[in-house]
Amino acid sequence: MVYAYIQDVPIGEDLYRRVIGELGPEPMTGQLLHLCVRQPDGRLRYIDVWDSEQSCANAFEERIHPAVNAAFGGQRPSGEPEVHRLDVLHATGALLEQSWA
């Protein structure tokens, strides 16, 4: 089942670009969509869609947290920004192999 969330992150664009650079060009298994948008106050918001919650958890353990650690110079801040799970009623698009209704 598709897993989607939004997350407001306490970093700026420069640090975000360092994290993306650390992730590298290889797609993450199960990630269907990642949007990073700037809010009116300048903070960043992620909107992510994964093929499953487990794929997301695996990506955080194997790729995302190590990339964030590296971007922060070796150790990311403790704690994780709050994740707001989205109650997906329907998802479709070129990246999805099936439609959820």
N, C-alpha and C. Protein backbone atom coordinates (compact mmCIF):
# COMPACT_ATOMS: atom_id res chain seq x y z
N MET A 1 0.85 -1.18 0.00
CA MET A 1 0.00 0.00 0.00
C MET A 1 0.89 1.23 0.00
N VAL A 2 0.51 2.23 -0.76
CA VAL A 2 1.30 3.45 -0.86
C VAL A 2 1.39 4.15 0.50
N TYR A 3 2.56 4.74 0.76
CA TYR A 3 2.82 5.46 2.00
C TYR A 3 3.25 6.86 1.62
N ALA A 4 2.60 7.87 2.19
CA ALA A 4 2.92 9.26 1.86
C ALA A 4 2.91 10.10 3.12
N TYR A 5 3.76 11.15 3.10
CA TYR A 5 3.82 12.04 4.26
C TYR A 5 4.36 13.40 3.85
N ILE A 6 4.14 14.36 4.75
CA ILE A 6 4.80 15.66 4.65
C ILE A 6 5.65 15.82 5.91
N GLN A 7 6.72 16.58 5.75
CA GLN A 7 7.64 16.80 6.87
C GLN A 7 8.27 18.18 6.70
N ASP A 8 8.11 19.02 7.70
CA ASP A 8 8.77 20.32 7.71
C ASP A 8 10.13 20.14 8.34
N VAL A 9 11.17 20.59 7.64
CA VAL A 9 12.54 20.34 8.10
C VAL A 9 13.23 21.66 8.44
N PRO A 10 14.01 21.66 9.51
CA PRO A 10 14.65 22.89 9.99
C PRO A 10 16.02 23.13 9.35
N ILE A 11 16.07 23.02 8.03
CA ILE A 11 17.32 23.27 7.32
C ILE A 11 17.06 24.24 6.18
N GLY A 12 18.13 24.85 5.70
CA GLY A 12 18.03 25.76 4.58
C GLY A 12 18.37 25.06 3.28
N GLU A 13 18.27 25.82 2.20
CA GLU A 13 18.50 25.27 0.88
C GLU A 13 19.93 24.75 0.69
N ASP A 14 20.91 25.44 1.24
CA ASP A 14 22.31 25.00 1.08
C ASP A 14 22.54 23.63 1.69
N LEU A 15 22.05 23.43 2.92
CA LEU A 15 22.22 22.13 3.56
C LEU A 15 21.41 21.06 2.83
N TYR A 16 20.23 21.41 2.38
CA TYR A 16 19.41 20.46 1.62
C TYR A 16 20.19 19.98 0.38
N ARG A 17 20.81 20.91 -0.33
CA ARG A 17 21.57 20.55 -1.53
C ARG A 17 22.77 19.65 -1.19
N ARG A 18 23.37 19.86 -0.03
CA ARG A 18 24.47 18.97 0.41
C ARG A 18 23.94 17.56 0.66
N VAL A 19 22.77 17.47 1.31
CA VAL A 19 22.17 16.14 1.56
C VAL A 19 21.90 15.44 0.23
N ILE A 20 21.31 16.14 -0.71
CA ILE A 20 21.00 15.55 -2.02
C ILE A 20 22.28 15.09 -2.71
N GLY A 21 23.34 15.91 -2.61
CA GLY A 21 24.62 15.52 -3.18
C GLY A 21 25.17 14.25 -2.55
N GLU A 22 25.00 14.12 -1.24
CA GLU A 22 25.47 12.92 -0.53
C GLU A 22 24.65 11.69 -0.90
N LEU A 23 23.37 11.87 -1.23
CA LEU A 23 22.53 10.73 -1.62
C LEU A 23 22.99 10.14 -2.95
N GLY A 24 23.51 10.98 -3.82
CA GLY A 24 23.96 10.51 -5.13
C GLY A 24 22.80 10.33 -6.10
N PRO A 25 23.14 9.95 -7.33
CA PRO A 25 22.13 9.91 -8.40
C PRO A 25 21.28 8.64 -8.44
N GLU A 26 21.68 7.60 -7.73
CA GLU A 26 20.92 6.34 -7.77
C GLU A 26 19.55 6.50 -7.14
N PRO A 27 18.49 6.06 -7.83
CA PRO A 27 17.15 6.13 -7.23
C PRO A 27 17.08 5.26 -5.97
N MET A 28 16.24 5.67 -5.04
CA MET A 28 16.05 4.87 -3.83
C MET A 28 14.92 3.89 -4.07
N THR A 29 15.15 2.66 -3.70
CA THR A 29 14.17 1.60 -3.90
C THR A 29 12.86 1.95 -3.21
N GLY A 30 11.79 1.96 -3.98
CA GLY A 30 10.46 2.20 -3.43
C GLY A 30 10.02 3.65 -3.40
N GLN A 31 10.92 4.58 -3.66
CA GLN A 31 10.52 5.99 -3.63
C GLN A 31 9.83 6.33 -4.96
N LEU A 32 8.60 6.81 -4.85
CA LEU A 32 7.83 7.17 -6.03
C LEU A 32 7.89 8.66 -6.33
N LEU A 33 8.00 9.48 -5.28
CA LEU A 33 8.03 10.92 -5.47
C LEU A 33 8.67 11.58 -4.25
N HIS A 34 9.52 12.57 -4.51
CA HIS A 34 10.05 13.42 -3.44
C HIS A 34 9.98 14.85 -3.95
N LEU A 35 9.27 15.69 -3.23
CA LEU A 35 9.22 17.11 -3.52
C LEU A 35 9.79 17.85 -2.33
N CYS A 36 10.61 18.83 -2.60
CA CYS A 36 11.07 19.74 -1.56
C CYS A 36 10.59 21.12 -1.98
N VAL A 37 9.74 21.72 -1.15
CA VAL A 37 9.16 23.03 -1.49
C VAL A 37 9.53 24.03 -0.41
N ARG A 38 9.68 25.27 -0.85
CA ARG A 38 9.97 26.35 0.09
C ARG A 38 8.65 26.95 0.52
N GLN A 39 8.47 27.05 1.83
CA GLN A 39 7.27 27.66 2.39
C GLN A 39 7.43 29.19 2.41
N PRO A 40 6.35 29.93 2.58
CA PRO A 40 6.44 31.39 2.59
C PRO A 40 7.44 31.94 3.62
N ASP A 41 7.62 31.23 4.75
CA ASP A 41 8.56 31.70 5.76
C ASP A 41 10.00 31.27 5.48
N GLY A 42 10.23 30.60 4.35
CA GLY A 42 11.57 30.18 3.97
C GLY A 42 11.95 28.78 4.39
N ARG A 43 11.18 28.18 5.29
CA ARG A 43 11.47 26.81 5.72
C ARG A 43 11.18 25.84 4.57
N LEU A 44 11.73 24.65 4.67
CA LEU A 44 11.53 23.65 3.64
C LEU A 44 10.52 22.61 4.10
N ARG A 45 9.76 22.11 3.16
CA ARG A 45 8.79 21.04 3.42
C ARG A 45 9.02 19.94 2.40
N TYR A 46 9.07 18.70 2.92
CA TYR A 46 9.16 17.54 2.04
C TYR A 46 7.77 16.94 1.87
N ILE A 47 7.51 16.50 0.68
CA ILE A 47 6.31 15.73 0.37
C ILE A 47 6.82 14.47 -0.30
N ASP A 48 6.62 13.33 0.35
CA ASP A 48 7.18 12.08 -0.14
C ASP A 48 6.09 11.04 -0.34
N VAL A 49 6.29 10.22 -1.37
CA VAL A 49 5.39 9.10 -1.65
C VAL A 49 6.27 7.88 -1.92
N TRP A 50 5.97 6.81 -1.21
CA TRP A 50 6.72 5.56 -1.29
C TRP A 50 5.77 4.42 -1.64
N ASP A 51 6.32 3.34 -2.17
CA ASP A 51 5.47 2.19 -2.47
C ASP A 51 5.03 1.47 -1.20
N SER A 52 5.76 1.68 -0.08
CA SER A 52 5.35 1.10 1.20
C SER A 52 6.09 1.82 2.33
N GLU A 53 5.56 1.70 3.52
CA GLU A 53 6.23 2.29 4.68
C GLU A 53 7.56 1.59 4.94
N GLN A 54 7.63 0.30 4.67
CA GLN A 54 8.88 -0.45 4.88
C GLN A 54 9.98 0.03 3.92
N SER A 55 9.64 0.30 2.67
CA SER A 55 10.63 0.83 1.73
C SER A 55 11.18 2.16 2.23
N CYS A 56 10.30 3.00 2.77
CA CYS A 56 10.72 4.29 3.32
C CYS A 56 11.66 4.08 4.50
N ALA A 57 11.30 3.21 5.41
CA ALA A 57 12.13 2.94 6.59
C ALA A 57 13.50 2.40 6.16
N ASN A 58 13.53 1.51 5.20
CA ASN A 58 14.80 0.97 4.72
C ASN A 58 15.67 2.07 4.11
N ALA A 59 15.06 2.95 3.33
CA ALA A 59 15.82 4.03 2.70
C ALA A 59 16.40 4.97 3.75
N PHE A 60 15.64 5.26 4.79
CA PHE A 60 16.17 6.12 5.85
C PHE A 60 17.36 5.46 6.53
N GLU A 61 17.27 4.18 6.81
CA GLU A 61 18.36 3.49 7.48
C GLU A 61 19.59 3.35 6.59
N GLU A 62 19.37 2.99 5.34
CA GLU A 62 20.49 2.65 4.46
C GLU A 62 21.08 3.85 3.71
N ARG A 63 20.25 4.84 3.38
CA ARG A 63 20.75 5.92 2.52
C ARG A 63 20.55 7.32 3.09
N ILE A 64 19.36 7.62 3.59
CA ILE A 64 19.04 9.00 3.95
C ILE A 64 19.79 9.44 5.20
N HIS A 65 19.71 8.68 6.28
CA HIS A 65 20.42 9.08 7.50
C HIS A 65 21.94 9.16 7.28
N PRO A 66 22.57 8.21 6.58
CA PRO A 66 24.00 8.38 6.31
C PRO A 66 24.31 9.64 5.49
N ALA A 67 23.45 9.98 4.54
CA ALA A 67 23.66 11.19 3.73
C ALA A 67 23.51 12.45 4.58
N VAL A 68 22.51 12.45 5.46
CA VAL A 68 22.31 13.60 6.35
C VAL A 68 23.50 13.73 7.31
N ASN A 69 23.95 12.60 7.86
CA ASN A 69 25.12 12.63 8.74
C ASN A 69 26.31 13.26 8.02
N ALA A 70 26.57 12.84 6.82
CA ALA A 70 27.70 13.37 6.05
C ALA A 70 27.52 14.86 5.77
N ALA A 71 26.31 15.26 5.40
CA ALA A 71 26.05 16.68 5.09
C ALA A 71 26.24 17.55 6.33
N PHE A 72 25.95 17.01 7.50
CA PHE A 72 26.12 17.75 8.75
C PHE A 72 27.55 17.66 9.28
N GLY A 73 28.42 17.03 8.53
CA GLY A 73 29.81 16.93 8.95
C GLY A 73 30.08 15.79 9.90
N GLY A 74 29.30 14.76 9.84
CA GLY A 74 29.57 13.58 10.65
C GLY A 74 28.47 13.15 11.57
N GLN A 75 27.64 14.06 12.04
CA GLN A 75 26.57 13.67 12.96
C GLN A 75 25.38 14.61 12.82
N ARG A 76 24.27 14.04 12.43
CA ARG A 76 23.06 14.85 12.32
C ARG A 76 22.53 15.17 13.71
N PRO A 77 21.73 16.22 13.82
CA PRO A 77 21.14 16.55 15.12
C PRO A 77 20.28 15.39 15.64
N SER A 78 20.16 15.30 16.95
CA SER A 78 19.31 14.25 17.52
C SER A 78 17.85 14.55 17.23
N GLY A 79 17.08 13.53 17.15
CA GLY A 79 15.66 13.69 16.89
C GLY A 79 15.38 13.83 15.41
N GLU A 80 14.17 13.59 15.07
CA GLU A 80 13.71 13.63 13.69
C GLU A 80 12.57 14.63 13.60
N PRO A 81 12.55 15.47 12.56
CA PRO A 81 11.39 16.36 12.40
C PRO A 81 10.10 15.54 12.32
N GLU A 82 9.04 16.09 12.85
CA GLU A 82 7.77 15.38 12.89
C GLU A 82 7.29 15.03 11.49
N VAL A 83 6.83 13.80 11.34
CA VAL A 83 6.28 13.30 10.08
C VAL A 83 4.76 13.31 10.20
N HIS A 84 4.11 13.89 9.20
CA HIS A 84 2.66 13.92 9.16
C HIS A 84 2.21 12.98 8.04
N ARG A 85 1.79 11.80 8.46
CA ARG A 85 1.34 10.80 7.48
C ARG A 85 0.10 11.30 6.77
N LEU A 86 0.05 11.07 5.48
CA LEU A 86 -1.10 11.46 4.69
C LEU A 86 -2.01 10.25 4.50
N ASP A 87 -3.30 10.46 4.64
CA ASP A 87 -4.30 9.42 4.46
C ASP A 87 -4.64 9.37 2.97
N VAL A 88 -3.92 8.54 2.23
CA VAL A 88 -4.05 8.50 0.78
C VAL A 88 -5.31 7.74 0.39
N LEU A 89 -6.19 8.44 -0.31
CA LEU A 89 -7.41 7.82 -0.81
C LEU A 89 -7.21 7.26 -2.21
N HIS A 90 -6.37 7.92 -2.99
CA HIS A 90 -6.14 7.50 -4.36
C HIS A 90 -4.80 8.05 -4.82
N ALA A 91 -4.06 7.24 -5.54
CA ALA A 91 -2.79 7.69 -6.10
C ALA A 91 -2.63 7.06 -7.48
N THR A 92 -2.25 7.87 -8.44
CA THR A 92 -2.02 7.37 -9.78
C THR A 92 -0.96 8.23 -10.44
N GLY A 93 -0.34 7.74 -11.44
CA GLY A 93 0.66 8.51 -12.15
C GLY A 93 1.67 7.59 -12.82
N ALA A 94 2.56 8.19 -13.58
CA ALA A 94 3.53 7.44 -14.35
C ALA A 94 4.45 6.59 -13.47
N LEU A 95 4.72 7.02 -12.25
CA LEU A 95 5.62 6.28 -11.38
C LEU A 95 4.94 5.15 -10.62
N LEU A 96 3.63 5.13 -10.63
CA LEU A 96 2.89 4.11 -9.90
C LEU A 96 2.53 2.98 -10.84
N GLU A 97 2.76 1.75 -10.42
CA GLU A 97 2.43 0.60 -11.25
C GLU A 97 0.96 0.23 -11.15
N GLN A 98 0.30 0.78 -10.15
CA GLN A 98 -1.12 0.50 -10.00
C GLN A 98 -1.80 1.71 -9.39
N SER A 99 -3.08 1.75 -9.44
CA SER A 99 -3.85 2.85 -8.87
C SER A 99 -4.52 2.36 -7.60
N TRP A 100 -4.44 3.17 -6.55
CA TRP A 100 -5.08 2.82 -5.29
C TRP A 100 -6.36 3.61 -5.16
N ALA A 101 -7.43 2.95 -4.83
CA ALA A 101 -8.70 3.64 -4.66
C ALA A 101 -9.31 3.26 -3.32
